[in-house]
Amino acid sequence: MEAWAKDQKVIDTHVTFVSDPFGTFTKHFDMELTDSRVLEHGIIGRCKRHAMYIDDGVVKYQALAEDPEFDPAGDEFPEKTLPPAMIGAIKEIQGSE
């Protein structure tokens, strides 16, 4: 995680990277990638590409990039989980509160 944070230039910022080595978070939010097309390549326990907006411990918005038919991991079309989409969703949520 430290290498990733360094690569993304977020060391000493408000961003904190955390890992999920046992898949506890991933399984709790039902984000474990279990598609057979991925499992047959030996990729076990991977998390689907997703993003969450959590405010005071409450999930207020969750985006999932998966396309069950073409892209079960969500790697090819991540747009729903990237910053512009998340910022737009958060602004909409905050505007309605």
N, C-alpha and C. Protein backbone atom coordinates (compact mmCIF):
# COMPACT_ATOMS: atom_id res chain seq x y z
N MET A 1 0.83 -1.18 0.00
CA MET A 1 0.00 0.00 0.00
C MET A 1 0.88 1.26 0.00
N GLU A 2 1.99 1.18 0.71
CA GLU A 2 2.87 2.35 0.75
C GLU A 2 3.43 2.67 -0.63
N ALA A 3 3.81 1.63 -1.38
CA ALA A 3 4.34 1.85 -2.73
C ALA A 3 3.27 2.47 -3.64
N TRP A 4 2.05 1.99 -3.50
CA TRP A 4 0.96 2.53 -4.31
C TRP A 4 0.71 4.00 -3.95
N ALA A 5 0.69 4.28 -2.65
CA ALA A 5 0.49 5.66 -2.20
C ALA A 5 1.61 6.57 -2.72
N LYS A 6 2.82 6.05 -2.70
CA LYS A 6 3.95 6.83 -3.20
C LYS A 6 3.79 7.08 -4.70
N ASP A 7 3.43 6.03 -5.44
CA ASP A 7 3.24 6.16 -6.88
C ASP A 7 2.14 7.17 -7.20
N GLN A 8 1.10 7.21 -6.39
CA GLN A 8 -0.02 8.11 -6.62
C GLN A 8 0.21 9.50 -6.01
N LYS A 9 1.37 9.67 -5.39
CA LYS A 9 1.77 10.95 -4.80
C LYS A 9 0.79 11.46 -3.74
N VAL A 10 0.37 10.54 -2.87
CA VAL A 10 -0.56 10.93 -1.80
C VAL A 10 0.05 10.78 -0.40
N ILE A 11 1.35 10.50 -0.34
CA ILE A 11 2.01 10.42 0.96
C ILE A 11 1.95 11.80 1.61
N ASP A 12 1.66 11.83 2.90
CA ASP A 12 1.55 13.08 3.67
C ASP A 12 0.40 13.97 3.21
N THR A 13 -0.67 13.34 2.71
CA THR A 13 -1.88 14.08 2.37
C THR A 13 -3.03 13.53 3.22
N HIS A 14 -4.23 13.96 2.96
CA HIS A 14 -5.41 13.47 3.69
C HIS A 14 -5.85 12.09 3.21
N VAL A 15 -5.23 11.57 2.16
CA VAL A 15 -5.60 10.26 1.60
C VAL A 15 -4.87 9.16 2.35
N THR A 16 -5.60 8.14 2.74
CA THR A 16 -5.02 6.97 3.41
C THR A 16 -5.41 5.72 2.63
N PHE A 17 -4.43 4.95 2.24
CA PHE A 17 -4.70 3.68 1.58
C PHE A 17 -4.71 2.60 2.64
N VAL A 18 -5.69 1.73 2.57
CA VAL A 18 -5.77 0.61 3.50
C VAL A 18 -5.95 -0.67 2.70
N SER A 19 -5.45 -1.75 3.23
CA SER A 19 -5.59 -3.03 2.54
C SER A 19 -6.68 -3.87 3.20
N ASP A 20 -7.04 -4.92 2.52
CA ASP A 20 -8.08 -5.84 3.00
C ASP A 20 -7.55 -7.26 2.78
N PRO A 21 -6.47 -7.63 3.48
CA PRO A 21 -5.77 -8.89 3.17
C PRO A 21 -6.60 -10.15 3.36
N PHE A 22 -7.61 -10.12 4.20
CA PHE A 22 -8.44 -11.30 4.41
C PHE A 22 -9.80 -11.18 3.72
N GLY A 23 -10.02 -10.08 3.02
CA GLY A 23 -11.28 -9.89 2.30
C GLY A 23 -12.47 -9.58 3.19
N THR A 24 -12.24 -9.18 4.40
CA THR A 24 -13.32 -8.92 5.35
C THR A 24 -14.25 -7.80 4.84
N PHE A 25 -13.67 -6.68 4.47
CA PHE A 25 -14.44 -5.55 3.95
C PHE A 25 -15.12 -5.94 2.64
N THR A 26 -14.35 -6.57 1.77
CA THR A 26 -14.84 -6.98 0.45
C THR A 26 -16.07 -7.89 0.58
N LYS A 27 -15.99 -8.87 1.44
CA LYS A 27 -17.10 -9.81 1.62
C LYS A 27 -18.29 -9.13 2.31
N HIS A 28 -18.02 -8.28 3.28
CA HIS A 28 -19.10 -7.60 3.99
C HIS A 28 -19.97 -6.79 3.03
N PHE A 29 -19.34 -6.14 2.08
CA PHE A 29 -20.08 -5.31 1.13
C PHE A 29 -20.43 -6.06 -0.15
N ASP A 30 -20.25 -7.39 -0.13
CA ASP A 30 -20.59 -8.25 -1.27
C ASP A 30 -19.90 -7.79 -2.55
N MET A 31 -18.62 -7.49 -2.45
CA MET A 31 -17.85 -7.01 -3.58
C MET A 31 -16.79 -8.01 -4.05
N GLU A 32 -16.87 -9.25 -3.54
CA GLU A 32 -15.89 -10.25 -3.96
C GLU A 32 -16.19 -10.69 -5.39
N LEU A 33 -15.16 -10.70 -6.20
CA LEU A 33 -15.29 -11.10 -7.60
C LEU A 33 -15.31 -12.62 -7.67
N THR A 34 -16.46 -13.18 -8.02
CA THR A 34 -16.61 -14.63 -8.04
C THR A 34 -16.95 -15.16 -9.42
N ASP A 35 -16.83 -14.34 -10.44
CA ASP A 35 -17.12 -14.76 -11.81
C ASP A 35 -16.14 -15.85 -12.24
N SER A 36 -16.65 -16.92 -12.81
CA SER A 36 -15.80 -18.06 -13.19
C SER A 36 -14.73 -17.68 -14.21
N ARG A 37 -14.99 -16.68 -15.05
CA ARG A 37 -13.99 -16.26 -16.04
C ARG A 37 -12.76 -15.66 -15.39
N VAL A 38 -12.91 -15.15 -14.20
CA VAL A 38 -11.78 -14.60 -13.46
C VAL A 38 -11.15 -15.68 -12.60
N LEU A 39 -11.99 -16.48 -11.95
CA LEU A 39 -11.48 -17.53 -11.07
C LEU A 39 -10.65 -18.57 -11.83
N GLU A 40 -11.00 -18.85 -13.07
CA GLU A 40 -10.25 -19.85 -13.84
C GLU A 40 -8.81 -19.43 -14.11
N HIS A 41 -8.52 -18.16 -13.91
CA HIS A 41 -7.15 -17.66 -14.06
C HIS A 41 -6.41 -17.62 -12.72
N GLY A 42 -7.05 -18.15 -11.69
CA GLY A 42 -6.41 -18.22 -10.38
C GLY A 42 -6.51 -16.95 -9.56
N ILE A 43 -7.35 -16.03 -9.98
CA ILE A 43 -7.51 -14.78 -9.25
C ILE A 43 -8.62 -14.99 -8.23
N ILE A 44 -8.22 -15.29 -7.01
CA ILE A 44 -9.16 -15.65 -5.95
C ILE A 44 -9.23 -14.51 -4.93
N GLY A 45 -10.43 -14.15 -4.52
CA GLY A 45 -10.60 -13.16 -3.46
C GLY A 45 -10.44 -11.72 -3.90
N ARG A 46 -10.41 -11.47 -5.19
CA ARG A 46 -10.25 -10.11 -5.66
C ARG A 46 -11.54 -9.32 -5.44
N CYS A 47 -11.38 -8.06 -5.23
CA CYS A 47 -12.51 -7.15 -5.03
C CYS A 47 -12.93 -6.57 -6.38
N LYS A 48 -14.24 -6.46 -6.59
CA LYS A 48 -14.75 -5.80 -7.79
C LYS A 48 -14.37 -4.32 -7.73
N ARG A 49 -14.25 -3.70 -8.88
CA ARG A 49 -13.95 -2.26 -8.91
C ARG A 49 -15.19 -1.51 -8.46
N HIS A 50 -15.06 -0.80 -7.36
CA HIS A 50 -16.18 -0.02 -6.84
C HIS A 50 -15.65 1.19 -6.08
N ALA A 51 -16.55 2.08 -5.79
CA ALA A 51 -16.20 3.26 -4.99
C ALA A 51 -17.39 3.53 -4.07
N MET A 52 -17.09 4.03 -2.88
CA MET A 52 -18.14 4.34 -1.92
C MET A 52 -17.92 5.73 -1.34
N TYR A 53 -19.03 6.38 -1.09
CA TYR A 53 -19.02 7.61 -0.33
C TYR A 53 -19.62 7.26 1.02
N ILE A 54 -18.80 7.34 2.05
CA ILE A 54 -19.23 6.99 3.40
C ILE A 54 -19.10 8.23 4.26
N ASP A 55 -20.18 8.59 4.91
CA ASP A 55 -20.20 9.78 5.77
C ASP A 55 -20.59 9.36 7.17
N ASP A 56 -19.70 9.55 8.11
CA ASP A 56 -19.95 9.22 9.51
C ASP A 56 -20.40 7.76 9.66
N GLY A 57 -19.74 6.87 8.93
CA GLY A 57 -20.02 5.44 9.03
C GLY A 57 -21.22 4.95 8.26
N VAL A 58 -21.86 5.83 7.51
CA VAL A 58 -23.04 5.47 6.73
C VAL A 58 -22.70 5.52 5.24
N VAL A 59 -22.95 4.41 4.52
CA VAL A 59 -22.72 4.40 3.08
C VAL A 59 -23.84 5.21 2.44
N LYS A 60 -23.46 6.34 1.86
CA LYS A 60 -24.46 7.21 1.25
C LYS A 60 -24.53 7.01 -0.26
N TYR A 61 -23.48 6.47 -0.85
CA TYR A 61 -23.47 6.22 -2.29
C TYR A 61 -22.45 5.14 -2.59
N GLN A 62 -22.82 4.25 -3.48
CA GLN A 62 -21.91 3.18 -3.88
C GLN A 62 -22.01 3.02 -5.39
N ALA A 63 -20.88 2.98 -6.06
CA ALA A 63 -20.84 2.79 -7.51
C ALA A 63 -20.07 1.50 -7.80
N LEU A 64 -20.59 0.73 -8.74
CA LEU A 64 -19.98 -0.54 -9.13
C LEU A 64 -19.72 -0.49 -10.63
N ALA A 65 -18.49 -0.79 -11.03
CA ALA A 65 -18.12 -0.69 -12.45
C ALA A 65 -18.36 -1.97 -13.22
N GLU A 66 -18.78 -3.02 -12.57
CA GLU A 66 -18.92 -4.32 -13.25
C GLU A 66 -19.96 -4.30 -14.35
N ASP A 67 -19.68 -5.06 -15.37
CA ASP A 67 -20.65 -5.40 -16.40
C ASP A 67 -20.64 -6.92 -16.44
N PRO A 68 -21.63 -7.58 -15.83
CA PRO A 68 -21.60 -9.03 -15.67
C PRO A 68 -21.38 -9.79 -16.98
N GLU A 69 -21.86 -9.24 -18.08
CA GLU A 69 -21.73 -9.94 -19.35
C GLU A 69 -20.34 -9.79 -19.97
N PHE A 70 -19.80 -8.58 -19.95
CA PHE A 70 -18.55 -8.31 -20.67
C PHE A 70 -17.34 -8.03 -19.80
N ASP A 71 -17.55 -7.52 -18.60
CA ASP A 71 -16.43 -7.06 -17.79
C ASP A 71 -16.74 -7.26 -16.30
N PRO A 72 -16.64 -8.51 -15.82
CA PRO A 72 -17.04 -8.78 -14.43
C PRO A 72 -16.20 -8.06 -13.39
N ALA A 73 -14.97 -7.72 -13.72
CA ALA A 73 -14.12 -7.02 -12.75
C ALA A 73 -14.35 -5.51 -12.76
N GLY A 74 -14.88 -4.99 -13.85
CA GLY A 74 -15.10 -3.55 -13.95
C GLY A 74 -13.86 -2.79 -14.37
N ASP A 75 -12.87 -3.49 -14.90
CA ASP A 75 -11.61 -2.83 -15.27
C ASP A 75 -11.67 -2.08 -16.60
N GLU A 76 -12.49 -2.57 -17.52
CA GLU A 76 -12.53 -1.97 -18.86
C GLU A 76 -13.32 -0.67 -18.92
N PHE A 77 -14.32 -0.55 -18.06
CA PHE A 77 -15.19 0.63 -18.06
C PHE A 77 -15.36 1.14 -16.63
N PRO A 78 -14.30 1.72 -16.07
CA PRO A 78 -14.34 2.14 -14.66
C PRO A 78 -15.02 3.49 -14.42
N GLU A 79 -15.54 4.11 -15.45
CA GLU A 79 -16.00 5.49 -15.36
C GLU A 79 -16.92 5.78 -14.17
N LYS A 80 -17.81 4.84 -13.85
CA LYS A 80 -18.76 5.07 -12.74
C LYS A 80 -18.06 5.21 -11.39
N THR A 81 -16.83 4.72 -11.29
CA THR A 81 -16.12 4.74 -10.02
C THR A 81 -14.99 5.76 -9.97
N LEU A 82 -14.79 6.49 -11.04
CA LEU A 82 -13.71 7.47 -11.09
C LEU A 82 -14.14 8.80 -10.47
N PRO A 83 -13.17 9.64 -10.11
CA PRO A 83 -13.48 10.89 -9.41
C PRO A 83 -14.59 11.75 -10.00
N PRO A 84 -14.63 12.01 -11.31
CA PRO A 84 -15.71 12.89 -11.81
C PRO A 84 -17.11 12.36 -11.47
N ALA A 85 -17.32 11.07 -11.63
CA ALA A 85 -18.64 10.50 -11.33
C ALA A 85 -18.92 10.53 -9.83
N MET A 86 -17.92 10.21 -9.03
CA MET A 86 -18.12 10.21 -7.58
C MET A 86 -18.36 11.61 -7.05
N ILE A 87 -17.60 12.57 -7.54
CA ILE A 87 -17.79 13.96 -7.09
C ILE A 87 -19.19 14.44 -7.46
N GLY A 88 -19.64 14.12 -8.66
CA GLY A 88 -20.99 14.49 -9.08
C GLY A 88 -22.05 13.87 -8.18
N ALA A 89 -21.88 12.60 -7.85
CA ALA A 89 -22.85 11.91 -6.98
C ALA A 89 -22.84 12.52 -5.58
N ILE A 90 -21.67 12.81 -5.07
CA ILE A 90 -21.57 13.39 -3.72
C ILE A 90 -22.20 14.77 -3.69
N LYS A 91 -21.96 15.58 -4.70
CA LYS A 91 -22.57 16.91 -4.76
C LYS A 91 -24.09 16.81 -4.79
N GLU A 92 -24.60 15.84 -5.56
CA GLU A 92 -26.04 15.65 -5.63
C GLU A 92 -26.62 15.24 -4.28
N ILE A 93 -25.93 14.34 -3.61
CA ILE A 93 -26.38 13.88 -2.29
C ILE A 93 -26.36 15.04 -1.29
N GLN A 94 -25.25 15.77 -1.28
CA GLN A 94 -25.12 16.87 -0.34
C GLN A 94 -26.13 17.97 -0.63
N GLY A 95 -26.48 18.16 -1.89
CA GLY A 95 -27.46 19.17 -2.27
C GLY A 95 -28.88 18.80 -1.85
N SER A 96 -29.12 17.51 -1.67
CA SER A 96 -30.47 17.07 -1.30
C SER A 96 -30.63 16.89 0.21
N GLU A 97 -29.55 17.08 0.97
CA GLU A 97 -29.64 16.90 2.44
C GLU A 97 -30.00 18.20 3.12
